[in-house]
C-alpha atoms as a PDB file:
ATOM      1  CA  MET A   1     194.171 -50.006  61.291  1.00  0.00           C
ATOM      2  CA  LYS A   2     197.072 -51.213  63.441  1.00  0.00           C
ATOM      3  CA  ILE A   3     199.333 -49.123  65.665  1.00  0.00           C
ATOM      4  CA  THR A   4     202.467 -50.365  67.406  1.00  0.00           C
ATOM      5  CA  VAL A   5     203.739 -48.317  70.339  1.00  0.00           C
ATOM      6  CA  ILE A   6     207.248 -48.524  71.795  1.00  0.00           C
ATOM      7  CA  ASN A   7     207.308 -46.893  75.219  1.00  0.00           C
ATOM      8  CA  GLY A   8     210.826 -45.887  76.221  1.00  0.00           C
ATOM      9  CA  TYR A   9     210.143 -46.536  79.877  1.00  0.00           C
ATOM     10  CA  GLU A  10     207.531 -48.183  82.111  1.00  0.00           C
ATOM     11  CA  LYS A  11     206.691 -45.258  84.396  1.00  0.00           C
ATOM     12  CA  HIS A  12     203.267 -43.682  83.979  1.00  0.00           C
ATOM     13  CA  GLY A  13     204.599 -40.138  84.038  1.00  0.00           C
ATOM     14  CA  VAL A  14     204.394 -37.136  81.721  1.00  0.00           C
ATOM     15  CA  THR A  15     205.499 -39.012  78.600  1.00  0.00           C
ATOM     16  CA  TYR A  16     202.881 -41.667  79.294  1.00  0.00           C
ATOM     17  CA  ARG A  17     200.194 -38.970  79.589  1.00  0.00           C
ATOM     18  CA  LEU A  18     201.243 -37.447  76.272  1.00  0.00           C
ATOM     19  CA  LYS A  19     201.188 -40.844  74.581  1.00  0.00           C
ATOM     20  CA  GLU A  20     197.714 -41.541  75.966  1.00  0.00           C
ATOM     21  CA  THR A  21     196.537 -38.162  74.669  1.00  0.00           C
ATOM     22  CA  PHE A  22     197.698 -39.126  71.170  1.00  0.00           C
ATOM     23  CA  LEU A  23     196.065 -42.559  71.333  1.00  0.00           C
ATOM     24  CA  GLU A  24     192.702 -41.221  72.546  1.00  0.00           C
ATOM     25  CA  GLU A  25     191.770 -40.500  68.928  1.00  0.00           C
ATOM     26  CA  PHE A  26     192.400 -44.147  67.971  1.00  0.00           C
ATOM     27  CA  ARG A  27     191.072 -46.177  70.920  1.00  0.00           C
ATOM     28  CA  ASP A  28     187.882 -47.348  69.216  1.00  0.00           C
ATOM     29  CA  LYS A  29     189.247 -47.173  65.678  1.00  0.00           C
ATOM     30  CA  ALA A  30     192.520 -49.094  65.726  1.00  0.00           C
ATOM     31  CA  GLU A  31     194.168 -52.231  67.040  1.00  0.00           C
ATOM     32  CA  ILE A  32     196.916 -50.984  69.360  1.00  0.00           C
ATOM     33  CA  THR A  33     199.883 -53.100  70.432  1.00  0.00           C
ATOM     34  CA  GLU A  34     202.173 -51.650  73.081  1.00  0.00           C
ATOM     35  CA  PHE A  35     205.624 -52.584  74.306  1.00  0.00           C
ATOM     36  CA  TYR A  36     207.105 -51.189  77.495  1.00  0.00           C
ATOM     37  CA  LEU A  37     210.864 -50.993  77.912  1.00  0.00           C
ATOM     38  CA  PRO A  38     212.847 -52.503  79.489  1.00  0.00           C
ATOM     39  CA  ARG A  39     210.193 -55.084  80.400  1.00  0.00           C
ATOM     40  CA  ASP A  40     209.668 -56.244  76.798  1.00  0.00           C
ATOM     41  CA  CYS A  41     213.348 -56.037  75.811  1.00  0.00           C
ATOM     42  CA  PRO A  42     215.281 -56.521  79.053  1.00  0.00           C
ATOM     43  CA  ASN A  43     218.763 -57.372  77.791  1.00  0.00           C
ATOM     44  CA  PHE A  44     221.570 -55.348  76.254  1.00  0.00           C
ATOM     45  CA  CYS A  45     222.856 -56.145  72.780  1.00  0.00           C
ATOM     46  CA  ALA A  46     226.042 -58.156  73.383  1.00  0.00           C
ATOM     47  CA  GLY A  47     227.664 -57.109  70.118  1.00  0.00           C
ATOM     48  CA  CYS A  48     228.096 -60.737  69.063  1.00  0.00           C
ATOM     49  CA  THR A  49     227.266 -59.784  65.418  1.00  0.00           C
ATOM     50  CA  SER A  50     225.275 -63.006  64.921  1.00  0.00           C
ATOM     51  CA  CYS A  51     222.403 -60.962  63.445  1.00  0.00           C
ATOM     52  CA  PHE A  52     224.790 -59.372  60.926  1.00  0.00           C
ATOM     53  CA  MET A  53     226.961 -62.328  60.032  1.00  0.00           C
ATOM     54  CA  LYS A  54     224.472 -65.195  60.285  1.00  0.00           C
ATOM     55  CA  ASP A  55     220.773 -64.672  60.960  1.00  0.00           C
ATOM     56  CA  GLU A  56     218.750 -62.384  63.243  1.00  0.00           C
ATOM     57  CA  HIS A  57     217.110 -65.455  64.759  1.00  0.00           C
ATOM     58  CA  LYS A  58     220.531 -66.428  66.152  1.00  0.00           C
ATOM     59  CA  CYS A  59     220.411 -63.443  68.515  1.00  0.00           C
ATOM     60  CA  LYS A  60     220.351 -64.469  72.175  1.00  0.00           C
ATOM     61  CA  ASP A  61     217.384 -62.135  72.616  1.00  0.00           C
ATOM     62  CA  ALA A  62     215.476 -63.200  69.498  1.00  0.00           C
ATOM     63  CA  GLU A  63     212.439 -64.179  71.599  1.00  0.00           C
ATOM     64  CA  TYR A  64     211.973 -60.499  72.457  1.00  0.00           C
ATOM     65  CA  ILE A  65     213.226 -58.852  69.283  1.00  0.00           C
ATOM     66  CA  GLN A  66     211.281 -60.954  66.806  1.00  0.00           C
ATOM     67  CA  LYS A  67     208.034 -60.340  68.691  1.00  0.00           C
ATOM     68  CA  ILE A  68     208.621 -56.594  68.537  1.00  0.00           C
ATOM     69  CA  GLU A  69     209.643 -56.708  64.885  1.00  0.00           C
ATOM     70  CA  LYS A  70     206.529 -58.662  63.919  1.00  0.00           C
ATOM     71  CA  ALA A  71     204.372 -55.950  65.493  1.00  0.00           C
ATOM     72  CA  LEU A  72     206.383 -53.186  63.805  1.00  0.00           C
ATOM     73  CA  LEU A  73     206.059 -54.776  60.369  1.00  0.00           C
ATOM     74  CA  GLU A  74     202.328 -55.427  60.719  1.00  0.00           C
ATOM     75  CA  ALA A  75     201.490 -51.907  61.919  1.00  0.00           C
ATOM     76  CA  ASP A  76     200.230 -49.047  59.771  1.00  0.00           C
ATOM     77  CA  LEU A  77     201.540 -46.442  62.222  1.00  0.00           C
ATOM     78  CA  LEU A  78     204.508 -46.632  64.587  1.00  0.00           C
ATOM     79  CA  LEU A  79     204.626 -44.558  67.774  1.00  0.00           C
ATOM     80  CA  PHE A  80     207.844 -44.165  69.793  1.00  0.00           C
ATOM     81  CA  THR A  81     207.904 -42.305  73.108  1.00  0.00           C
ATOM     82  CA  SER A  82     210.734 -41.334  75.433  1.00  0.00           C
ATOM     83  CA  PRO A  83     211.518 -38.685  78.019  1.00  0.00           C
ATOM     84  CA  ALA A  84     214.941 -37.085  77.852  1.00  0.00           C
ATOM     85  CA  TYR A  85     217.443 -38.763  80.135  1.00  0.00           C
ATOM     86  CA  VAL A  86     220.645 -36.696  80.336  1.00  0.00           C
ATOM     87  CA  MET A  87     219.900 -35.093  76.952  1.00  0.00           C
ATOM     88  CA  HIS A  88     219.197 -38.388  75.178  1.00  0.00           C
ATOM     89  CA  THR A  89     216.708 -41.212  74.906  1.00  0.00           C
ATOM     90  CA  THR A  90     216.341 -43.717  77.715  1.00  0.00           C
ATOM     91  CA  GLY A  91     218.878 -46.499  77.983  1.00  0.00           C
ATOM     92  CA  ALA A  92     216.064 -48.997  77.514  1.00  0.00           C
ATOM     93  CA  MET A  93     215.068 -47.445  74.180  1.00  0.00           C
ATOM     94  CA  LYS A  94     218.697 -47.337  73.036  1.00  0.00           C
ATOM     95  CA  THR A  95     219.071 -50.986  74.005  1.00  0.00           C
ATOM     96  CA  MET A  96     216.099 -51.982  71.865  1.00  0.00           C
ATOM     97  CA  LEU A  97     217.268 -49.916  68.900  1.00  0.00           C
ATOM     98  CA  ASP A  98     220.729 -51.489  69.149  1.00  0.00           C
ATOM     99  CA  HIS A  99     219.133 -54.897  68.675  1.00  0.00           C
ATOM    100  CA  PHE A 100     217.708 -53.728  65.340  1.00  0.00           C
ATOM    101  CA  GLY A 101     221.070 -52.805  63.854  1.00  0.00           C
ATOM    102  CA  TYR A 102     220.650 -55.627  61.354  1.00  0.00           C
ATOM    103  CA  ARG A 103     217.666 -53.761  59.882  1.00  0.00           C
ATOM    104  CA  TRP A 104     219.754 -50.702  59.036  1.00  0.00           C
ATOM    105  CA  MET A 105     220.171 -50.158  55.303  1.00  0.00           C
ATOM    106  CA  PRO A 106     223.826 -51.259  55.177  1.00  0.00           C
ATOM    107  CA  HIS A 107     222.622 -54.681  56.294  1.00  0.00           C
ATOM    108  CA  ARG A 108     219.139 -56.157  55.718  1.00  0.00           C
ATOM    109  CA  PRO A 109     216.425 -53.491  55.752  1.00  0.00           C
ATOM    110  CA  SER A 110     212.828 -54.654  55.560  1.00  0.00           C
ATOM    111  CA  GLU A 111     210.925 -53.642  52.439  1.00  0.00           C
ATOM    112  CA  GLU A 112     207.834 -52.842  54.529  1.00  0.00           C
ATOM    113  CA  MET A 113     209.653 -50.126  56.449  1.00  0.00           C
ATOM    114  CA  PHE A 114     210.081 -47.954  53.360  1.00  0.00           C
ATOM    115  CA  GLY A 115     206.344 -47.304  53.317  1.00  0.00           C
ATOM    116  CA  LYS A 116     205.791 -46.866  57.051  1.00  0.00           C
ATOM    117  CA  ARG A 117     204.697 -43.781  58.932  1.00  0.00           C
ATOM    118  CA  ALA A 118     206.034 -43.005  62.398  1.00  0.00           C
ATOM    119  CA  VAL A 119     205.484 -40.523  65.204  1.00  0.00           C
ATOM    120  CA  ILE A 120     208.008 -39.741  67.936  1.00  0.00           C
ATOM    121  CA  ILE A 121     206.902 -38.088  71.198  1.00  0.00           C
ATOM    122  CA  THR A 122     209.547 -36.732  73.579  1.00  0.00           C
ATOM    123  CA  GLN A 123     209.545 -34.342  76.507  1.00  0.00           C
ATOM    124  CA  CYS A 124     212.156 -32.777  78.735  1.00  0.00           C
ATOM    125  CA  LEU A 125     212.334 -30.337  81.604  1.00  0.00           C
ATOM    126  CA  GLY A 126     214.301 -27.710  79.684  1.00  0.00           C
ATOM    127  CA  ALA A 127     216.656 -29.230  77.127  1.00  0.00           C
ATOM    128  CA  GLY A 128     217.273 -32.555  75.450  1.00  0.00           C
ATOM    129  CA  GLY A 129     213.936 -33.215  73.789  1.00  0.00           C
ATOM    130  CA  LYS A 130     215.230 -32.765  70.245  1.00  0.00           C
ATOM    131  CA  SER A 131     218.368 -34.825  70.799  1.00  0.00           C
ATOM    132  CA  THR A 132     216.203 -37.537  72.351  1.00  0.00           C
ATOM    133  CA  ALA A 133     213.992 -37.567  69.259  1.00  0.00           C
ATOM    134  CA  LYS A 134     217.076 -37.650  67.039  1.00  0.00           C
ATOM    135  CA  ASP A 135     218.346 -40.769  68.821  1.00  0.00           C
ATOM    136  CA  ILE A 136     215.172 -42.546  67.724  1.00  0.00           C
ATOM    137  CA  LYS A 137     214.811 -40.874  64.337  1.00  0.00           C
ATOM    138  CA  ASP A 138     218.337 -41.892  63.313  1.00  0.00           C
ATOM    139  CA  SER A 139     217.372 -45.551  63.559  1.00  0.00           C
ATOM    140  CA  LEU A 140     213.975 -45.138  61.895  1.00  0.00           C
ATOM    141  CA  SER A 141     215.447 -43.269  58.930  1.00  0.00           C
ATOM    142  CA  TRP A 142     218.138 -45.910  58.474  1.00  0.00           C
ATOM    143  CA  TRP A 143     215.417 -48.566  58.565  1.00  0.00           C
ATOM    144  CA  GLY A 144     214.046 -46.818  55.475  1.00  0.00           C
ATOM    145  CA  ILE A 145     211.219 -44.767  57.009  1.00  0.00           C
ATOM    146  CA  SER A 146     210.795 -41.291  55.498  1.00  0.00           C
ATOM    147  CA  SER A 147     207.519 -40.160  57.055  1.00  0.00           C
ATOM    148  CA  ILE A 148     208.524 -39.334  60.646  1.00  0.00           C
ATOM    149  CA  LYS A 149     206.602 -36.779  62.710  1.00  0.00           C
ATOM    150  CA  VAL A 150     208.431 -35.458  65.781  1.00  0.00           C
ATOM    151  CA  LEU A 151     206.484 -33.972  68.698  1.00  0.00           C
ATOM    152  CA  SER A 152     208.951 -32.648  71.281  1.00  0.00           C
ATOM    153  CA  PHE A 153     208.020 -30.532  74.292  1.00  0.00           C
ATOM    154  CA  LYS A 154     209.735 -28.561  77.052  1.00  0.00           C
ATOM    155  CA  LEU A 155     207.938 -28.610  80.392  1.00  0.00           C
ATOM    156  CA  MET A 156     209.790 -25.649  81.933  1.00  0.00           C
ATOM    157  CA  SER A 157     207.914 -26.490  85.133  1.00  0.00           C
ATOM    158  CA  ASP A 158     207.292 -29.383  87.507  1.00  0.00           C
ATOM    159  CA  ILE A 159     207.823 -32.916  86.174  1.00  0.00           C
ATOM    160  CA  ASN A 160     204.766 -34.128  88.075  1.00  0.00           C
ATOM    161  CA  TRP A 161     201.829 -34.020  85.635  1.00  0.00           C
ATOM    162  CA  ASP A 162     199.303 -33.105  88.328  1.00  0.00           C
ATOM    163  CA  LYS A 163     201.387 -30.079  89.322  1.00  0.00           C
ATOM    164  CA  ILE A 164     201.824 -28.710  85.797  1.00  0.00           C
ATOM    165  CA  PRO A 165     199.582 -25.643  85.272  1.00  0.00           C
ATOM    166  CA  GLN A 166     196.555 -26.304  83.072  1.00  0.00           C
ATOM    167  CA  LYS A 167     197.609 -23.652  80.577  1.00  0.00           C
ATOM    168  CA  LYS A 168     200.950 -25.415  80.128  1.00  0.00           C
ATOM    169  CA  ARG A 169     199.250 -28.794  79.806  1.00  0.00           C
ATOM    170  CA  ASP A 170     197.009 -27.419  77.065  1.00  0.00           C
ATOM    171  CA  SER A 171     199.986 -25.975  75.177  1.00  0.00           C
ATOM    172  CA  ILE A 172     201.447 -29.481  75.074  1.00  0.00           C
ATOM    173  CA  THR A 173     198.377 -31.639  74.537  1.00  0.00           C
ATOM    174  CA  ASN A 174     196.686 -29.498  71.877  1.00  0.00           C
ATOM    175  CA  PRO A 175     199.447 -30.059  69.257  1.00  0.00           C
ATOM    176  CA  ILE A 176     199.402 -33.772  70.094  1.00  0.00           C
ATOM    177  CA  LYS A 177     195.655 -33.958  69.558  1.00  0.00           C
ATOM    178  CA  ALA A 178     195.994 -32.108  66.254  1.00  0.00           C
ATOM    179  CA  ALA A 179     198.741 -34.492  65.106  1.00  0.00           C
ATOM    180  CA  ALA A 180     196.613 -37.471  66.120  1.00  0.00           C
ATOM    181  CA  ARG A 181     193.639 -36.191  64.132  1.00  0.00           C
ATOM    182  CA  LYS A 182     195.842 -35.720  61.089  1.00  0.00           C
ATOM    183  CA  ALA A 183     197.296 -39.213  61.505  1.00  0.00           C
ATOM    184  CA  LEU A 184     193.786 -40.626  61.822  1.00  0.00           C
ATOM    185  CA  SER A 185     192.703 -39.000  58.548  1.00  0.00           C
ATOM    186  CA  THR A 186     195.649 -40.510  56.631  1.00  0.00           C
ATOM    187  CA  ASP A 187     194.960 -43.126  53.951  1.00  0.00           C
ATOM    188  CA  TYR A 188     197.061 -46.046  55.155  1.00  0.00           C
ATOM    189  CA  SER A 189     196.203 -48.173  52.141  1.00  0.00           C
ATOM    190  CA  ARG A 190     198.818 -46.101  50.330  1.00  0.00           C
ATOM    191  CA  PRO A 191     202.453 -46.449  51.468  1.00  0.00           C
ATOM    192  CA  ALA A 192     204.169 -43.288  52.615  1.00  0.00           C
ATOM    193  CA  HIS A 193     206.392 -41.572  50.072  1.00  0.00           C
ATOM    194  CA  THR A 194     210.064 -42.527  50.246  1.00  0.00           C
ATOM    195  CA  GLY A 195     212.027 -39.293  50.262  1.00  0.00           C
ATOM    196  CA  LEU A 196     215.314 -38.389  48.594  1.00  0.00           C
ATOM    197  CA  PRO A 197     217.491 -38.924  51.725  1.00  0.00           C
ATOM    198  CA  ALA A 198     216.301 -42.542  52.034  1.00  0.00           C
ATOM    199  CA  ARG A 199     216.737 -43.161  48.320  1.00  0.00           C
ATOM    200  CA  PHE A 200     220.216 -41.649  48.388  1.00  0.00           C
ATOM    201  CA  LYS A 201     221.213 -43.927  51.278  1.00  0.00           C
ATOM    202  CA  PHE A 202     219.767 -46.909  49.426  1.00  0.00           C
ATOM    203  CA  TYR A 203     221.773 -46.259  46.260  1.00  0.00           C
ATOM    204  CA  ILE A 204     224.999 -45.701  48.176  1.00  0.00           C
ATOM    205  CA  ILE A 205     224.497 -48.989  50.044  1.00  0.00           C
ATOM    206  CA  ARG A 206     223.528 -50.693  46.793  1.00  0.00           C
ATOM    207  CA  MET A 207     226.941 -49.801  45.369  1.00  0.00           C
ATOM    208  CA  MET A 208     228.573 -51.024  48.567  1.00  0.00           C
ATOM    209  CA  GLN A 209     226.724 -54.357  48.444  1.00  0.00           C
ATOM    210  CA  THR A 210     227.668 -54.811  44.795  1.00  0.00           C
ATOM    211  CA  GLY A 211     231.302 -54.463  45.810  1.00  0.00           C
ATOM    212  CA  ILE A 212     230.875 -56.857  48.737  1.00  0.00           C
ATOM    213  CA  GLY A 213     229.414 -59.433  46.366  1.00  0.00           C
ATOM    214  CA  LYS A 214     232.609 -59.443  44.352  1.00  0.00           C
ATOM    215  CA  THR A 215     234.849 -60.087  47.344  1.00  0.00           C
ATOM    216  CA  ASN A 216     232.525 -61.989  49.681  1.00  0.00           C
ATOM    217  CA  PRO A 217     229.584 -63.545  47.789  1.00  0.00           C
ATOM    218  CA  GLU A 218     228.660 -65.587  50.888  1.00  0.00           C
ATOM    219  CA  SER A 219     227.897 -62.442  52.891  1.00  0.00           C
ATOM    220  CA  ALA A 220     224.439 -62.685  54.485  1.00  0.00           C
ATOM    221  CA  ASP A 221     223.754 -59.038  53.650  1.00  0.00           C
ATOM    222  CA  TYR A 222     224.812 -59.388  50.023  1.00  0.00           C
ATOM    223  CA  ILE A 223     222.699 -62.521  49.556  1.00  0.00           C
ATOM    224  CA  TYR A 224     219.710 -60.714  51.092  1.00  0.00           C
ATOM    225  CA  TRP A 225     220.060 -57.750  48.720  1.00  0.00           C
ATOM    226  CA  LYS A 226     220.505 -60.068  45.746  1.00  0.00           C
ATOM    227  CA  ILE A 227     217.456 -62.222  46.593  1.00  0.00           C
ATOM    228  CA  ASN A 228     215.319 -59.094  46.937  1.00  0.00           C
ATOM    229  CA  GLY A 229     216.426 -57.947  43.483  1.00  0.00           C
ATOM    230  CA  TRP A 230     217.749 -54.651  44.829  1.00  0.00           C
ATOM    231  CA  LEU A 231     221.050 -55.072  43.016  1.00  0.00           C
ATOM    232  CA  ASP A 232     219.058 -55.155  39.782  1.00  0.00           C
ATOM    233  CA  LYS A 233     216.013 -52.995  39.021  1.00  0.00           C
ATOM    234  CA  VAL A 234     213.749 -53.831  41.975  1.00  0.00           C
ATOM    235  CA  ARG A 235     213.344 -51.143  44.653  1.00  0.00           C
ATOM    236  CA  PRO A 236     211.808 -51.486  48.150  1.00  0.00           C
ATOM    237  CA  TRP A 237     209.531 -48.461  47.787  1.00  0.00           C
ATOM    238  CA  LYS A 238     206.228 -48.134  45.966  1.00  0.00           C
ATOM    239  CA  ASN A 239     206.249 -44.348  45.485  1.00  0.00           C
END
């Protein structure tokens, strides 16, 4: 089993502790690859549109992005973590997600993503955990992922892990441990089910790409959809 982890920041704080709690169940059972932001994706997307209009390898930051994408595509389980920064995900996480705009369904989604499973862990002092998770979930769902488990927690206490009362720590870590055990018991030889929202998006974009093909048959996105057979009867999901 392979797990790819995207850490929304480098600090070993509360979010790091929660992520480690989740991974404890997998340490001797899975191959775990971790990326820490911004270290492993240090540059902002410049909005040059090279990934959309030409090829993702033309991106000025392809050396970082392609390494991360390779790990994402090879993994059975994806884990994204981020504390809430002013009610949203960290700037570093947003920066990385921006770089993957070319993998959104209106462009060139990867077939493998439609069968992936993902977990998002967020925490906040009082508010912002859910909106932080949504920032990440929006991208994952538009990549084609349907199976997304969100674990979001409010500390309502000190942000220093060692100063958080044990009872509060248990109320946070116990659900994470339970989710990890459930994830560990999953049969990853079977792709996750692609739900109706993802299928609906796919069919809407399919109609859009068909129209683009009539006016701009040289479009990189249209060619990609056509080569994959998605404009005919082929679909990127298995179930």
